[in-house]
């Protein structure tokens, strides 16, 4: 959520173990809010650099101000034909990425701070159907040992 992004500080991102995943401890969720593997290294470096300071617009002195994120995206417009940066669009992209990876919808809803998995229905049309091989693997499950 925008307020969570704005309030995040470097010290909020921590690893429980040296080789463990990067977790966001500054937000309340039923499940751990973990960095995606592709972003783990860069977020870890940014968190270390920020320390106790804010990750987003680190020079500011207040936790959240009106239009804090919106004003940044107005100043930093992407090249032609690309949509403007918005926290809502970034969050939706993250959610759809998780859905496309066939992660349990209830888990996604909890990680995203949504009331229920039913809230994900609005993005389902962005998730292509699985191919036959993937469907068989997912439906078959793990082999007994």
Protein backbone atom coordinates (compact mmCIF):
# COMPACT_ATOMS: atom_id res chain seq x y z
CA UNK A 1 0.00 0.00 0.00
CA UNK A 2 1.27 3.56 -0.64
CA UNK A 3 1.53 4.44 3.05
CA UNK A 4 3.53 1.27 3.70
CA UNK A 5 5.92 2.06 0.85
CA UNK A 6 6.37 5.60 2.12
CA UNK A 7 6.94 4.52 5.73
CA UNK A 8 9.47 1.78 4.92
CA UNK A 9 12.97 2.32 6.27
CA UNK A 10 16.17 0.42 5.61
CA UNK A 11 16.03 -1.20 9.03
CA UNK A 12 12.60 -2.66 8.18
CA UNK A 13 14.19 -5.04 5.65
CA UNK A 14 16.06 -7.82 7.45
CA UNK A 15 17.38 -11.32 6.93
CA UNK A 16 16.66 -13.86 9.69
CA UNK A 17 19.90 -15.64 8.69
CA UNK A 18 22.90 -14.54 6.68
CA UNK A 19 21.88 -16.62 3.65
CA UNK A 20 18.14 -16.26 4.25
CA UNK A 21 15.52 -14.30 2.32
CA UNK A 22 15.00 -10.58 2.81
CA UNK A 23 11.88 -9.95 4.93
CA UNK A 24 9.94 -6.72 5.47
CA UNK A 25 9.39 -6.51 9.22
CA UNK A 26 7.87 -3.03 9.16
CA UNK A 27 4.39 -4.15 8.04
CA UNK A 28 1.81 -6.33 9.75
CA UNK A 29 0.80 -9.41 7.73
CA UNK A 30 -0.48 -12.87 8.59
CA UNK A 31 2.40 -14.29 6.52
CA UNK A 32 5.96 -13.01 6.10
CA UNK A 33 6.35 -10.30 3.47
CA UNK A 34 9.40 -11.58 1.61
CA UNK A 35 11.31 -9.96 -1.25
CA UNK A 36 11.05 -11.72 -4.60
CA UNK A 37 14.32 -13.48 -5.43
CA UNK A 38 14.93 -11.24 -8.45
CA UNK A 39 14.89 -8.14 -6.22
CA UNK A 40 16.49 -9.57 -3.07
CA UNK A 41 20.05 -8.40 -3.70
CA UNK A 42 19.27 -4.86 -4.84
CA UNK A 43 16.72 -4.31 -2.05
CA UNK A 44 19.20 -5.63 0.50
CA UNK A 45 21.84 -3.18 -0.74
CA UNK A 46 19.37 -0.27 -0.68
CA UNK A 47 18.23 -1.19 2.83
CA UNK A 48 21.80 -1.36 4.07
CA UNK A 49 22.58 2.03 2.52
CA UNK A 50 19.41 3.62 3.95
CA UNK A 51 19.89 2.28 7.48
CA UNK A 52 17.36 4.06 9.67
CA UNK A 53 16.36 6.39 6.83
CA UNK A 54 13.44 6.04 4.45
CA UNK A 55 13.83 3.83 1.39
CA UNK A 56 11.60 6.03 -0.76
CA UNK A 57 12.68 9.66 -1.04
CA UNK A 58 15.24 9.29 1.76
CA UNK A 59 15.91 13.03 2.19
CA UNK A 60 12.45 13.72 3.63
CA UNK A 61 11.79 14.25 7.32
CA UNK A 62 8.10 13.29 7.63
CA UNK A 63 6.77 9.74 7.36
CA UNK A 64 3.94 10.50 4.95
CA UNK A 65 2.87 13.70 3.28
CA UNK A 66 0.02 14.33 0.88
CA UNK A 67 1.02 13.49 -2.71
CA UNK A 68 4.40 12.13 -1.56
CA UNK A 69 4.40 9.33 -4.11
CA UNK A 70 2.22 11.04 -6.72
CA UNK A 71 4.50 14.08 -6.93
CA UNK A 72 7.55 11.83 -7.42
CA UNK A 73 5.90 10.00 -10.30
CA UNK A 74 4.98 13.32 -11.93
CA UNK A 75 8.64 14.39 -11.84
CA UNK A 76 9.91 11.03 -13.10
CA UNK A 77 7.81 10.22 -16.13
CA UNK A 78 8.77 7.15 -18.14
CA UNK A 79 9.58 7.34 -21.86
CA UNK A 80 6.82 7.67 -24.44
CA UNK A 81 4.03 5.11 -24.57
CA UNK A 82 4.78 3.72 -21.10
CA UNK A 83 2.30 4.16 -18.26
CA UNK A 84 3.14 6.44 -15.35
CA UNK A 85 4.58 4.81 -12.25
CA UNK A 86 2.02 4.23 -9.52
CA UNK A 87 2.14 2.19 -6.33
CA UNK A 88 -1.22 0.64 -7.19
CA UNK A 89 0.04 -0.53 -10.57
CA UNK A 90 3.27 -1.86 -9.02
CA UNK A 91 1.24 -3.76 -6.42
CA UNK A 92 -1.08 -5.19 -9.09
CA UNK A 93 1.94 -6.29 -11.15
CA UNK A 94 3.39 -8.05 -8.10
CA UNK A 95 0.07 -9.79 -7.40
CA UNK A 96 -0.34 -10.93 -11.02
CA UNK A 97 3.26 -12.20 -11.06
CA UNK A 98 2.46 -14.35 -8.00
CA UNK A 99 -0.78 -15.56 -9.58
CA UNK A 100 1.03 -16.51 -12.81
CA UNK A 101 3.52 -18.50 -10.70
CA UNK A 102 0.53 -20.53 -9.42
CA UNK A 103 1.08 -19.51 -5.82
CA UNK A 104 -1.90 -20.25 -3.59
CA UNK A 105 -4.42 -17.42 -3.86
CA UNK A 106 -5.12 -17.39 -0.14
CA UNK A 107 -1.39 -16.91 0.54
CA UNK A 108 -1.19 -14.11 -2.05
CA UNK A 109 -4.17 -12.34 -0.45
CA UNK A 110 -2.57 -12.55 3.00
CA UNK A 111 0.79 -11.25 1.74
CA UNK A 112 -0.93 -8.40 -0.11
CA UNK A 113 -3.02 -7.45 2.93
CA UNK A 114 -6.29 -8.21 1.14
CA UNK A 115 -9.44 -9.27 2.99
CA UNK A 116 -9.75 -12.55 1.07
CA UNK A 117 -8.64 -14.46 -2.00
CA UNK A 118 -11.88 -13.35 -3.67
CA UNK A 119 -10.26 -9.92 -4.04
CA UNK A 120 -7.89 -11.43 -6.62
CA UNK A 121 -10.68 -12.11 -9.11
CA UNK A 122 -10.21 -8.71 -10.76
CA UNK A 123 -6.73 -9.79 -11.97
CA UNK A 124 -7.53 -13.37 -12.98
CA UNK A 125 -8.05 -12.39 -16.65
CA UNK A 126 -4.34 -11.44 -16.77
CA UNK A 127 -3.28 -14.97 -15.86
CA UNK A 128 -3.09 -17.32 -18.85
CA UNK A 129 -4.42 -20.85 -18.49
CA UNK A 130 -1.80 -23.44 -17.59
CA UNK A 131 -0.48 -25.81 -20.23
CA UNK A 132 -1.21 -29.52 -19.96
CA UNK A 133 2.19 -30.47 -18.49
CA UNK A 134 1.92 -27.85 -15.74
CA UNK A 135 -1.70 -28.80 -15.02
CA UNK A 136 -0.75 -32.46 -14.59
CA UNK A 137 2.20 -31.57 -12.32
CA UNK A 138 0.12 -29.25 -10.13
CA UNK A 139 -2.88 -31.58 -9.89
CA UNK A 140 -0.81 -34.70 -9.29
CA UNK A 141 1.08 -33.23 -6.34
CA UNK A 142 4.25 -34.46 -4.71
CA UNK A 143 5.13 -38.15 -4.77
CA UNK A 144 4.80 -40.07 -1.52
CA UNK A 145 8.08 -41.05 0.10
